[in-house]
């Protein structure tokens, strides 16, 4: 029979060994920080100045796996509000630190660009529009009071609808008989 003391020490050693139990806290998994398209794009442009928007878009898509439309749209917004500038060699960052674009800044920049945008003339397309130009109706002119009164009565009677002529008759009758309605 084995020694009682050795058996007891084996059991105590087993209890002391770390075993996963229900009460033990689990290890926390640390996930990598997701990329922020605005900050990462600005910092990349700041570190690599004087490239075209297309070059920046291609490089940021390759490095960070951003969507190309998102990157180019963001760069054009930054250009519009003044965070980035176009130089002779390409686009470069103005400030040393990224500042978020406020919606009010973007709205003001859009209004300013719409106010200064040249208005394009309508091009007359070929086809039917080119063959038969539309006749423009003459603009009604403002007649003076004397011109409005002197109307050829025969012409007026031929043009006026029957109901309107009857209303004129009733008003004139009331005026001349002294009983204005």
N, C-alpha and C. Protein backbone atom coordinates (compact mmCIF):
# COMPACT_ATOMS: atom_id res chain seq x y z
N UNK A 1 0.81 -1.16 0.00
CA UNK A 1 0.00 0.00 0.00
C UNK A 1 0.87 1.25 0.00
N UNK A 2 0.44 2.24 -0.82
CA UNK A 2 1.26 3.44 -0.88
C UNK A 2 1.18 4.23 0.42
N UNK A 3 2.15 5.01 0.58
CA UNK A 3 2.27 5.82 1.78
C UNK A 3 1.18 6.88 1.77
N UNK A 4 0.60 7.10 2.91
CA UNK A 4 -0.52 8.02 3.03
C UNK A 4 -0.07 9.46 2.81
N UNK A 5 1.06 9.81 3.27
CA UNK A 5 1.56 11.18 3.14
C UNK A 5 1.84 11.51 1.69
N UNK A 6 2.41 10.59 0.92
CA UNK A 6 2.71 10.84 -0.49
C UNK A 6 1.41 10.99 -1.30
N UNK A 7 0.41 10.20 -0.97
CA UNK A 7 -0.87 10.30 -1.66
C UNK A 7 -1.55 11.64 -1.37
N UNK A 8 -1.47 12.06 -0.13
CA UNK A 8 -2.07 13.35 0.24
C UNK A 8 -1.35 14.50 -0.45
N UNK A 9 -0.06 14.44 -0.57
CA UNK A 9 0.69 15.51 -1.26
C UNK A 9 0.35 15.54 -2.75
N UNK A 10 0.11 14.37 -3.36
CA UNK A 10 -0.30 14.33 -4.78
C UNK A 10 -1.64 15.03 -4.98
N UNK A 11 -2.57 14.75 -4.09
CA UNK A 11 -3.90 15.35 -4.19
C UNK A 11 -3.81 16.87 -4.00
N UNK A 12 -3.02 17.30 -3.04
CA UNK A 12 -2.87 18.74 -2.79
C UNK A 12 -2.21 19.44 -3.98
N UNK A 13 -1.24 18.80 -4.61
CA UNK A 13 -0.59 19.37 -5.79
C UNK A 13 -1.56 19.50 -6.97
N UNK A 14 -2.44 18.54 -7.11
CA UNK A 14 -3.43 18.61 -8.17
C UNK A 14 -4.39 19.78 -7.95
N UNK A 15 -4.75 19.99 -6.71
CA UNK A 15 -5.66 21.11 -6.41
C UNK A 15 -4.99 22.46 -6.64
N UNK A 16 -3.73 22.53 -6.35
CA UNK A 16 -3.00 23.78 -6.50
C UNK A 16 -2.69 24.12 -7.96
N UNK A 17 -2.67 23.13 -8.83
CA UNK A 17 -2.33 23.41 -10.24
C UNK A 17 -3.48 24.22 -10.88
N UNK A 18 -3.11 25.20 -11.73
CA UNK A 18 -4.16 26.04 -12.34
C UNK A 18 -4.96 25.27 -13.37
N UNK A 19 -6.22 25.18 -13.13
CA UNK A 19 -7.14 24.54 -14.05
C UNK A 19 -8.17 25.57 -14.47
N UNK A 20 -8.56 25.52 -15.74
CA UNK A 20 -9.60 26.48 -16.11
C UNK A 20 -10.89 26.15 -15.38
N UNK A 21 -11.40 27.12 -14.74
CA UNK A 21 -12.65 26.92 -14.04
C UNK A 21 -13.66 27.97 -14.51
N UNK A 22 -14.84 27.85 -14.05
CA UNK A 22 -15.91 28.76 -14.46
C UNK A 22 -15.68 30.16 -13.93
N UNK A 23 -15.08 30.28 -12.77
CA UNK A 23 -14.93 31.58 -12.12
C UNK A 23 -13.71 32.36 -12.60
N UNK A 24 -12.79 31.73 -13.31
CA UNK A 24 -11.60 32.43 -13.75
C UNK A 24 -11.95 33.38 -14.89
N UNK A 25 -11.41 34.61 -14.87
CA UNK A 25 -11.68 35.55 -15.96
C UNK A 25 -10.97 35.11 -17.23
N UNK A 26 -11.66 35.30 -18.34
CA UNK A 26 -11.07 34.92 -19.63
C UNK A 26 -10.16 36.02 -20.12
N UNK A 27 -9.25 35.64 -20.99
CA UNK A 27 -8.35 36.63 -21.58
C UNK A 27 -9.13 37.55 -22.49
N UNK A 28 -8.85 38.83 -22.40
CA UNK A 28 -9.52 39.78 -23.28
C UNK A 28 -8.81 39.79 -24.62
N UNK A 29 -9.63 39.73 -25.68
CA UNK A 29 -9.06 39.80 -27.02
C UNK A 29 -8.96 41.26 -27.42
N UNK A 30 -7.80 41.63 -27.86
CA UNK A 30 -7.58 43.00 -28.29
C UNK A 30 -7.67 43.03 -29.81
N UNK A 31 -8.67 43.77 -30.29
CA UNK A 31 -8.85 43.90 -31.73
C UNK A 31 -8.05 45.10 -32.22
N UNK A 32 -7.51 45.03 -33.42
CA UNK A 32 -6.76 46.18 -33.93
C UNK A 32 -7.71 47.35 -34.18
N UNK A 33 -7.17 48.54 -33.99
CA UNK A 33 -7.95 49.76 -34.21
C UNK A 33 -8.32 49.84 -35.69
N UNK A 34 -9.63 50.02 -35.99
CA UNK A 34 -10.00 50.13 -37.41
C UNK A 34 -9.46 51.43 -38.00
N UNK A 35 -9.18 51.37 -39.26
CA UNK A 35 -8.62 52.53 -39.95
C UNK A 35 -9.69 53.62 -40.08
N UNK A 36 -9.29 54.85 -39.85
CA UNK A 36 -10.17 56.00 -40.02
C UNK A 36 -9.81 56.61 -41.37
N UNK A 37 -10.73 56.56 -42.30
CA UNK A 37 -10.42 56.98 -43.67
C UNK A 37 -10.01 58.44 -43.75
N UNK A 38 -10.66 59.30 -42.98
CA UNK A 38 -10.35 60.73 -43.04
C UNK A 38 -8.96 61.03 -42.51
N UNK A 39 -8.70 60.55 -41.30
CA UNK A 39 -7.40 60.84 -40.66
C UNK A 39 -6.26 60.17 -41.42
N UNK A 40 -6.45 58.90 -41.77
CA UNK A 40 -5.39 58.18 -42.47
C UNK A 40 -5.10 58.78 -43.85
N UNK A 41 -6.15 59.19 -44.55
CA UNK A 41 -5.94 59.81 -45.87
C UNK A 41 -5.19 61.12 -45.74
N UNK A 42 -5.61 61.95 -44.77
CA UNK A 42 -4.96 63.25 -44.59
C UNK A 42 -3.49 63.07 -44.20
N UNK A 43 -3.24 62.17 -43.25
CA UNK A 43 -1.86 61.94 -42.82
C UNK A 43 -1.00 61.39 -43.95
N UNK A 44 -1.58 60.55 -44.81
CA UNK A 44 -0.84 60.02 -45.94
C UNK A 44 -0.49 61.14 -46.94
N UNK A 45 -1.46 62.02 -47.19
CA UNK A 45 -1.21 63.14 -48.10
C UNK A 45 -0.18 64.09 -47.50
N UNK A 46 -0.25 64.29 -46.18
CA UNK A 46 0.71 65.15 -45.48
C UNK A 46 2.13 64.57 -45.59
N UNK A 47 2.24 63.25 -45.47
CA UNK A 47 3.56 62.60 -45.54
C UNK A 47 4.07 62.46 -46.97
N UNK A 48 3.16 62.42 -47.96
CA UNK A 48 3.54 62.22 -49.35
C UNK A 48 2.92 63.32 -50.23
N UNK A 49 3.46 64.53 -50.19
CA UNK A 49 2.83 65.62 -50.94
C UNK A 49 3.12 65.53 -52.45
N UNK A 50 2.40 66.38 -53.19
CA UNK A 50 2.61 66.60 -54.63
C UNK A 50 2.36 65.36 -55.49
N UNK A 51 1.20 64.78 -55.31
CA UNK A 51 0.73 63.71 -56.18
C UNK A 51 -0.67 64.08 -56.66
N UNK A 52 -1.15 63.39 -57.65
CA UNK A 52 -2.49 63.65 -58.15
C UNK A 52 -3.52 62.93 -57.28
N UNK A 53 -4.77 63.33 -57.41
CA UNK A 53 -5.84 62.69 -56.65
C UNK A 53 -5.92 61.21 -57.01
N UNK A 54 -5.75 60.90 -58.26
CA UNK A 54 -5.81 59.49 -58.70
C UNK A 54 -4.68 58.67 -58.08
N UNK A 55 -3.48 59.24 -58.00
CA UNK A 55 -2.37 58.53 -57.39
C UNK A 55 -2.64 58.28 -55.90
N UNK A 56 -3.12 59.31 -55.21
CA UNK A 56 -3.45 59.13 -53.79
C UNK A 56 -4.53 58.06 -53.62
N UNK A 57 -5.54 58.09 -54.47
CA UNK A 57 -6.62 57.12 -54.37
C UNK A 57 -6.09 55.71 -54.55
N UNK A 58 -5.29 55.49 -55.56
CA UNK A 58 -4.73 54.15 -55.81
C UNK A 58 -3.86 53.68 -54.65
N UNK A 59 -3.02 54.55 -54.12
CA UNK A 59 -2.12 54.16 -53.04
C UNK A 59 -2.87 53.89 -51.74
N UNK A 60 -3.88 54.71 -51.43
CA UNK A 60 -4.65 54.50 -50.20
C UNK A 60 -5.51 53.23 -50.28
N UNK A 61 -6.02 52.96 -51.46
CA UNK A 61 -6.80 51.73 -51.64
C UNK A 61 -5.88 50.52 -51.46
N UNK A 62 -4.67 50.57 -52.00
CA UNK A 62 -3.74 49.45 -51.87
C UNK A 62 -3.26 49.27 -50.43
N UNK A 63 -3.01 50.38 -49.74
CA UNK A 63 -2.44 50.28 -48.40
C UNK A 63 -3.50 49.98 -47.33
N UNK A 64 -4.64 50.69 -47.36
CA UNK A 64 -5.63 50.56 -46.29
C UNK A 64 -6.88 49.77 -46.69
N UNK A 65 -6.99 49.41 -47.96
CA UNK A 65 -8.16 48.70 -48.47
C UNK A 65 -9.44 49.53 -48.36
N UNK A 66 -9.29 50.86 -48.51
CA UNK A 66 -10.46 51.73 -48.55
C UNK A 66 -11.13 51.60 -49.91
N UNK A 67 -12.38 52.03 -49.98
CA UNK A 67 -13.08 52.03 -51.27
C UNK A 67 -12.59 53.22 -52.09
N UNK A 68 -12.33 53.02 -53.37
CA UNK A 68 -11.80 54.11 -54.20
C UNK A 68 -12.72 55.33 -54.26
N UNK A 69 -14.01 55.10 -54.36
CA UNK A 69 -14.95 56.23 -54.44
C UNK A 69 -14.94 57.05 -53.15
N UNK A 70 -14.80 56.37 -52.02
CA UNK A 70 -14.77 57.08 -50.73
C UNK A 70 -13.52 57.94 -50.62
N UNK A 71 -12.40 57.41 -51.04
CA UNK A 71 -11.13 58.15 -50.93
C UNK A 71 -11.14 59.38 -51.84
N UNK A 72 -11.51 59.18 -53.10
CA UNK A 72 -11.49 60.32 -54.02
C UNK A 72 -12.52 61.37 -53.61
N UNK A 73 -13.68 60.95 -53.15
CA UNK A 73 -14.70 61.89 -52.69
C UNK A 73 -14.19 62.70 -51.50
N UNK A 74 -13.55 62.03 -50.56
CA UNK A 74 -13.02 62.71 -49.39
C UNK A 74 -11.92 63.71 -49.78
N UNK A 75 -11.05 63.34 -50.69
CA UNK A 75 -9.98 64.25 -51.13
C UNK A 75 -10.58 65.48 -51.80
N UNK A 76 -11.59 65.30 -52.65
CA UNK A 76 -12.22 66.44 -53.30
C UNK A 76 -12.94 67.34 -52.29
N UNK A 77 -13.54 66.75 -51.25
CA UNK A 77 -14.16 67.55 -50.20
C UNK A 77 -13.11 68.37 -49.45
N UNK A 78 -11.98 67.73 -49.15
CA UNK A 78 -10.90 68.45 -48.46
C UNK A 78 -10.36 69.59 -49.32
N UNK A 79 -10.29 69.36 -50.63
CA UNK A 79 -9.86 70.43 -51.54
C UNK A 79 -10.88 71.58 -51.53
N UNK A 80 -12.15 71.24 -51.53
CA UNK A 80 -13.21 72.24 -51.60
C UNK A 80 -13.24 73.14 -50.37
N UNK A 81 -13.03 72.55 -49.17
CA UNK A 81 -13.08 73.35 -47.95
C UNK A 81 -11.72 73.95 -47.58
N UNK A 82 -10.67 73.62 -48.31
CA UNK A 82 -9.38 74.26 -48.08
C UNK A 82 -8.41 73.50 -47.20
N UNK A 83 -8.71 72.26 -46.83
CA UNK A 83 -7.76 71.47 -46.04
C UNK A 83 -6.57 71.05 -46.90
N UNK A 84 -6.82 70.86 -48.19
CA UNK A 84 -5.78 70.52 -49.16
C UNK A 84 -5.75 71.60 -50.22
N UNK A 85 -4.61 71.74 -50.88
CA UNK A 85 -4.46 72.71 -51.96
C UNK A 85 -3.85 72.02 -53.17
N UNK A 86 -4.16 72.57 -54.34
CA UNK A 86 -3.52 72.08 -55.57
C UNK A 86 -2.35 73.01 -55.88
N UNK A 87 -1.20 72.41 -56.11
CA UNK A 87 -0.03 73.16 -56.51
C UNK A 87 0.35 72.79 -57.93
N UNK A 88 1.49 73.31 -58.38
CA UNK A 88 1.96 72.98 -59.73
C UNK A 88 2.32 71.51 -59.85
N UNK A 89 2.86 70.94 -58.77
CA UNK A 89 3.29 69.55 -58.81
C UNK A 89 2.20 68.57 -58.40
N UNK A 90 1.18 69.04 -57.69
CA UNK A 90 0.10 68.14 -57.26
C UNK A 90 -0.60 68.66 -56.03
N UNK A 91 -1.28 67.77 -55.33
CA UNK A 91 -2.06 68.11 -54.15
C UNK A 91 -1.18 68.00 -52.91
N UNK A 92 -1.35 68.94 -51.97
CA UNK A 92 -0.61 68.90 -50.72
C UNK A 92 -1.49 69.37 -49.58
N UNK A 93 -1.13 68.97 -48.35
CA UNK A 93 -1.89 69.32 -47.15
C UNK A 93 -1.50 70.71 -46.69
N UNK A 94 -2.46 71.46 -46.17
CA UNK A 94 -2.23 72.82 -45.71
C UNK A 94 -1.82 72.84 -44.25
N UNK A 95 -2.54 72.13 -43.40
CA UNK A 95 -2.27 72.12 -41.96
C UNK A 95 -1.43 70.91 -41.59
N UNK A 96 -0.71 71.03 -40.46
CA UNK A 96 0.12 69.92 -40.00
C UNK A 96 -0.69 68.85 -39.28
N UNK A 97 -1.91 69.20 -38.85
CA UNK A 97 -2.76 68.27 -38.10
C UNK A 97 -4.12 68.21 -38.78
N UNK A 98 -4.69 67.03 -38.83
CA UNK A 98 -6.01 66.85 -39.44
C UNK A 98 -7.09 67.51 -38.60
N UNK A 99 -7.98 68.24 -39.25
CA UNK A 99 -9.18 68.79 -38.61
C UNK A 99 -10.38 68.24 -39.36
N UNK A 100 -11.38 67.72 -38.66
CA UNK A 100 -12.55 67.16 -39.35
C UNK A 100 -13.28 68.23 -40.16
N UNK A 101 -13.94 67.79 -41.21
CA UNK A 101 -14.72 68.70 -42.05
C UNK A 101 -16.11 68.81 -41.44
N UNK A 102 -16.50 70.04 -41.10
CA UNK A 102 -17.83 70.26 -40.54
C UNK A 102 -18.82 70.38 -41.69
N UNK A 103 -20.04 69.88 -41.50
CA UNK A 103 -21.04 69.99 -42.56
C UNK A 103 -21.32 71.44 -42.97
N UNK A 104 -21.24 72.36 -42.01
CA UNK A 104 -21.48 73.76 -42.34
C UNK A 104 -20.39 74.31 -43.26
N UNK A 105 -19.15 73.87 -43.07
CA UNK A 105 -18.06 74.31 -43.95
C UNK A 105 -18.28 73.79 -45.38
N UNK A 106 -18.67 72.54 -45.48
CA UNK A 106 -18.89 71.94 -46.79
C UNK A 106 -20.06 72.61 -47.50
N UNK A 107 -21.11 72.92 -46.74
CA UNK A 107 -22.28 73.57 -47.33
C UNK A 107 -21.91 74.97 -47.82
N UNK A 108 -21.14 75.70 -47.03
CA UNK A 108 -20.72 77.04 -47.43
C UNK A 108 -19.82 76.99 -48.66
N UNK A 109 -18.95 75.99 -48.73
CA UNK A 109 -18.06 75.87 -49.88
C UNK A 109 -18.85 75.53 -51.14
N UNK A 110 -19.88 74.70 -50.99
CA UNK A 110 -20.71 74.36 -52.15
C UNK A 110 -21.48 75.58 -52.65
N UNK A 111 -22.02 76.38 -51.71
CA UNK A 111 -22.75 77.59 -52.10
C UNK A 111 -21.82 78.55 -52.83
N UNK A 112 -20.61 78.69 -52.32
CA UNK A 112 -19.65 79.61 -52.94
C UNK A 112 -19.27 79.14 -54.34
N UNK A 113 -19.08 77.84 -54.51
CA UNK A 113 -18.70 77.35 -55.83
C UNK A 113 -19.87 77.42 -56.80
N UNK A 114 -21.10 77.26 -56.30
CA UNK A 114 -22.27 77.38 -57.18
C UNK A 114 -22.50 78.83 -57.60
N UNK A 115 -22.17 79.78 -56.73
CA UNK A 115 -22.37 81.19 -57.05
C UNK A 115 -21.38 81.66 -58.10
N UNK A 116 -20.18 81.09 -58.09
CA UNK A 116 -19.16 81.53 -59.04
C UNK A 116 -19.11 80.67 -60.29
N UNK A 117 -19.88 79.61 -60.32
CA UNK A 117 -19.86 78.72 -61.48
C UNK A 117 -20.49 79.41 -62.69
N UNK A 118 -19.85 79.35 -63.85
CA UNK A 118 -20.42 79.99 -65.03
C UNK A 118 -21.66 79.23 -65.49
N UNK A 119 -22.64 79.98 -65.96
CA UNK A 119 -23.86 79.36 -66.45
C UNK A 119 -23.65 78.99 -67.90
N UNK A 120 -23.81 77.73 -68.19
CA UNK A 120 -23.60 77.23 -69.55
C UNK A 120 -24.83 77.56 -70.40
N UNK A 121 -24.57 77.99 -71.64
CA UNK A 121 -25.66 78.26 -72.56
C UNK A 121 -26.22 76.94 -73.05
N UNK A 122 -27.52 76.94 -73.28
CA UNK A 122 -28.13 75.72 -73.80
C UNK A 122 -27.70 75.53 -75.24
N UNK A 123 -27.25 74.34 -75.52
CA UNK A 123 -26.86 74.03 -76.88
C UNK A 123 -28.09 73.55 -77.64
N UNK A 124 -28.23 74.06 -78.82
CA UNK A 124 -29.36 73.63 -79.63
C UNK A 124 -28.96 72.34 -80.32
N UNK A 125 -29.71 71.31 -80.04
CA UNK A 125 -29.34 70.02 -80.58
C UNK A 125 -29.71 69.94 -82.06
N UNK A 126 -29.04 69.05 -82.73
CA UNK A 126 -29.34 68.82 -84.13
C UNK A 126 -30.65 68.04 -84.21
N UNK A 127 -31.23 67.96 -85.35
CA UNK A 127 -32.46 67.21 -85.51
C UNK A 127 -33.63 68.17 -85.71
N UNK A 128 -34.75 67.84 -85.11
CA UNK A 128 -35.97 68.62 -85.31
C UNK A 128 -35.80 70.06 -84.82
N UNK A 129 -35.12 70.24 -83.69
CA UNK A 129 -34.94 71.59 -83.15
C UNK A 129 -34.14 72.46 -84.12
N UNK A 130 -33.18 71.86 -84.82
CA UNK A 130 -32.38 72.63 -85.76
C UNK A 130 -33.15 72.93 -87.03
N UNK A 131 -34.07 72.05 -87.41
CA UNK A 131 -34.81 72.24 -88.65
C UNK A 131 -35.91 73.28 -88.52
N UNK A 132 -36.65 73.25 -87.45
CA UNK A 132 -37.78 74.17 -87.30
C UNK A 132 -37.66 74.92 -85.99
N UNK A 133 -37.06 76.12 -86.02
CA UNK A 133 -36.97 76.87 -84.78
C UNK A 133 -38.36 77.27 -84.31
N UNK A 134 -38.54 77.24 -83.00
CA UNK A 134 -39.84 77.55 -82.44
C UNK A 134 -40.12 79.03 -82.57
N UNK A 135 -41.35 79.32 -82.96
CA UNK A 135 -41.76 80.72 -83.08
C UNK A 135 -42.00 81.26 -81.68
N UNK A 136 -41.42 82.38 -81.42
CA UNK A 136 -41.61 82.99 -80.11
C UNK A 136 -42.81 83.91 -80.15
N UNK A 137 -43.58 83.84 -79.12
CA UNK A 137 -44.75 84.70 -79.05
C UNK A 137 -44.29 86.09 -78.65
N UNK A 138 -44.89 87.12 -79.24
CA UNK A 138 -44.50 88.47 -78.85
C UNK A 138 -44.92 88.74 -77.41
N UNK A 139 -44.08 89.46 -76.72
CA UNK A 139 -44.36 89.77 -75.33
C UNK A 139 -45.47 90.83 -75.29
N UNK A 140 -46.40 90.68 -74.37
CA UNK A 140 -47.44 91.70 -74.27
C UNK A 140 -46.83 93.03 -73.81
N UNK A 141 -47.24 94.05 -74.47
CA UNK A 141 -46.71 95.38 -74.13
C UNK A 141 -47.68 96.07 -73.19
N UNK A 142 -47.16 96.96 -72.42
CA UNK A 142 -47.99 97.73 -71.51
C UNK A 142 -48.65 98.86 -72.28
N UNK A 143 -49.97 98.86 -72.31
CA UNK A 143 -50.71 99.90 -73.02
C UNK A 143 -51.05 101.01 -72.04
N UNK A 144 -51.01 102.22 -72.54
CA UNK A 144 -51.42 103.34 -71.70
C UNK A 144 -52.93 103.33 -71.61
N UNK A 145 -53.46 104.16 -70.70
CA UNK A 145 -54.91 104.21 -70.49
C UNK A 145 -55.63 104.65 -71.76
N UNK A 146 -55.08 105.62 -72.48
CA UNK A 146 -55.71 106.12 -73.70
C UNK A 146 -55.71 105.04 -74.78
N UNK A 147 -54.65 104.25 -74.87
CA UNK A 147 -54.59 103.19 -75.86
C UNK A 147 -55.59 102.07 -75.54
N UNK A 148 -55.81 101.82 -74.27
CA UNK A 148 -56.75 100.77 -73.89
C UNK A 148 -58.19 101.19 -74.19
N UNK A 149 -58.49 102.46 -74.09
CA UNK A 149 -59.85 102.93 -74.32
C UNK A 149 -60.19 102.94 -75.81
N UNK A 150 -59.26 103.36 -76.62
CA UNK A 150 -59.53 103.45 -78.05
C UNK A 150 -59.33 102.10 -78.69
N UNK A 151 -60.39 101.32 -78.75
CA UNK A 151 -60.37 99.99 -79.32
C UNK A 151 -61.41 99.98 -80.44
N UNK A 152 -61.08 99.33 -81.50
CA UNK A 152 -62.03 99.19 -82.60
C UNK A 152 -63.17 98.29 -82.12
N UNK A 153 -64.37 98.84 -82.00
CA UNK A 153 -65.49 98.11 -81.43
C UNK A 153 -65.89 96.91 -82.27
N UNK A 154 -65.87 97.02 -83.57
CA UNK A 154 -66.23 95.87 -84.40
C UNK A 154 -65.26 94.71 -84.18
N UNK A 155 -63.99 95.04 -84.09
CA UNK A 155 -62.97 94.00 -83.86
C UNK A 155 -63.17 93.38 -82.48
N UNK A 156 -63.45 94.22 -81.49
CA UNK A 156 -63.63 93.75 -80.13
C UNK A 156 -64.85 92.85 -80.03
N UNK A 157 -65.95 93.21 -80.67
CA UNK A 157 -67.18 92.42 -80.62
C UNK A 157 -66.96 91.06 -81.27
N UNK A 158 -66.17 90.98 -82.31
CA UNK A 158 -65.91 89.71 -82.98
C UNK A 158 -65.02 88.79 -82.13
N UNK A 159 -64.18 89.37 -81.28
CA UNK A 159 -63.23 88.57 -80.50
C UNK A 159 -63.75 88.18 -79.13
N UNK A 160 -64.65 88.97 -78.55
CA UNK A 160 -65.06 88.74 -77.17
C UNK A 160 -66.06 87.56 -77.10
N UNK A 161 -65.93 86.68 -76.11
CA UNK A 161 -66.87 85.57 -75.95
C UNK A 161 -68.26 86.09 -75.56
N UNK A 162 -69.26 85.29 -75.79
CA UNK A 162 -70.65 85.68 -75.58
C UNK A 162 -70.93 86.01 -74.12
N UNK A 163 -70.44 85.22 -73.20
CA UNK A 163 -70.71 85.46 -71.78
C UNK A 163 -70.06 86.75 -71.31
N UNK A 164 -68.87 87.01 -71.79
CA UNK A 164 -68.20 88.25 -71.40
C UNK A 164 -68.92 89.46 -72.00
N UNK A 165 -69.40 89.34 -73.23
CA UNK A 165 -70.15 90.43 -73.86
C UNK A 165 -71.44 90.69 -73.08
N UNK A 166 -72.09 89.65 -72.60
CA UNK A 166 -73.32 89.82 -71.84
C UNK A 166 -73.05 90.53 -70.53
N UNK A 167 -71.91 90.20 -69.87
CA UNK A 167 -71.56 90.87 -68.61
C UNK A 167 -71.28 92.34 -68.86
N UNK A 168 -70.62 92.65 -69.98
CA UNK A 168 -70.36 94.06 -70.32
C UNK A 168 -71.69 94.78 -70.55
N UNK A 169 -72.62 94.12 -71.26
CA UNK A 169 -73.94 94.71 -71.54
C UNK A 169 -74.67 95.02 -70.23
N UNK A 170 -74.64 94.07 -69.28
CA UNK A 170 -75.35 94.26 -68.02
C UNK A 170 -74.75 95.42 -67.23
N UNK A 171 -73.44 95.54 -67.22
CA UNK A 171 -72.78 96.63 -66.49
C UNK A 171 -73.10 97.97 -67.14
N UNK A 172 -73.04 98.02 -68.47
CA UNK A 172 -73.34 99.29 -69.16
C UNK A 172 -74.80 99.69 -68.95
N UNK A 173 -75.69 98.72 -68.99
CA UNK A 173 -77.11 98.98 -68.78
C UNK A 173 -77.33 99.55 -67.39
N UNK A 174 -76.66 98.96 -66.41
CA UNK A 174 -76.81 99.44 -65.04
C UNK A 174 -76.24 100.85 -64.89
N UNK A 175 -75.16 101.14 -65.55
CA UNK A 175 -74.55 102.48 -65.47
C UNK A 175 -75.49 103.54 -66.09
N UNK A 176 -76.01 103.24 -67.27
CA UNK A 176 -76.83 104.23 -67.98
C UNK A 176 -78.23 104.38 -67.37
N UNK A 177 -78.72 103.36 -66.71
CA UNK A 177 -80.03 103.48 -66.11
C UNK A 177 -79.90 104.04 -64.69
N UNK A 178 -78.68 104.17 -64.18
CA UNK A 178 -78.48 104.78 -62.88
C UNK A 178 -78.54 103.78 -61.75
N UNK A 179 -78.73 102.54 -61.99
CA UNK A 179 -78.81 101.53 -60.92
C UNK A 179 -77.60 100.61 -60.98
N UNK A 180 -76.44 101.11 -60.61
CA UNK A 180 -75.21 100.30 -60.65
C UNK A 180 -75.31 99.13 -59.67
N UNK A 181 -74.96 98.00 -60.12
CA UNK A 181 -75.06 96.80 -59.27
C UNK A 181 -73.81 96.59 -58.48
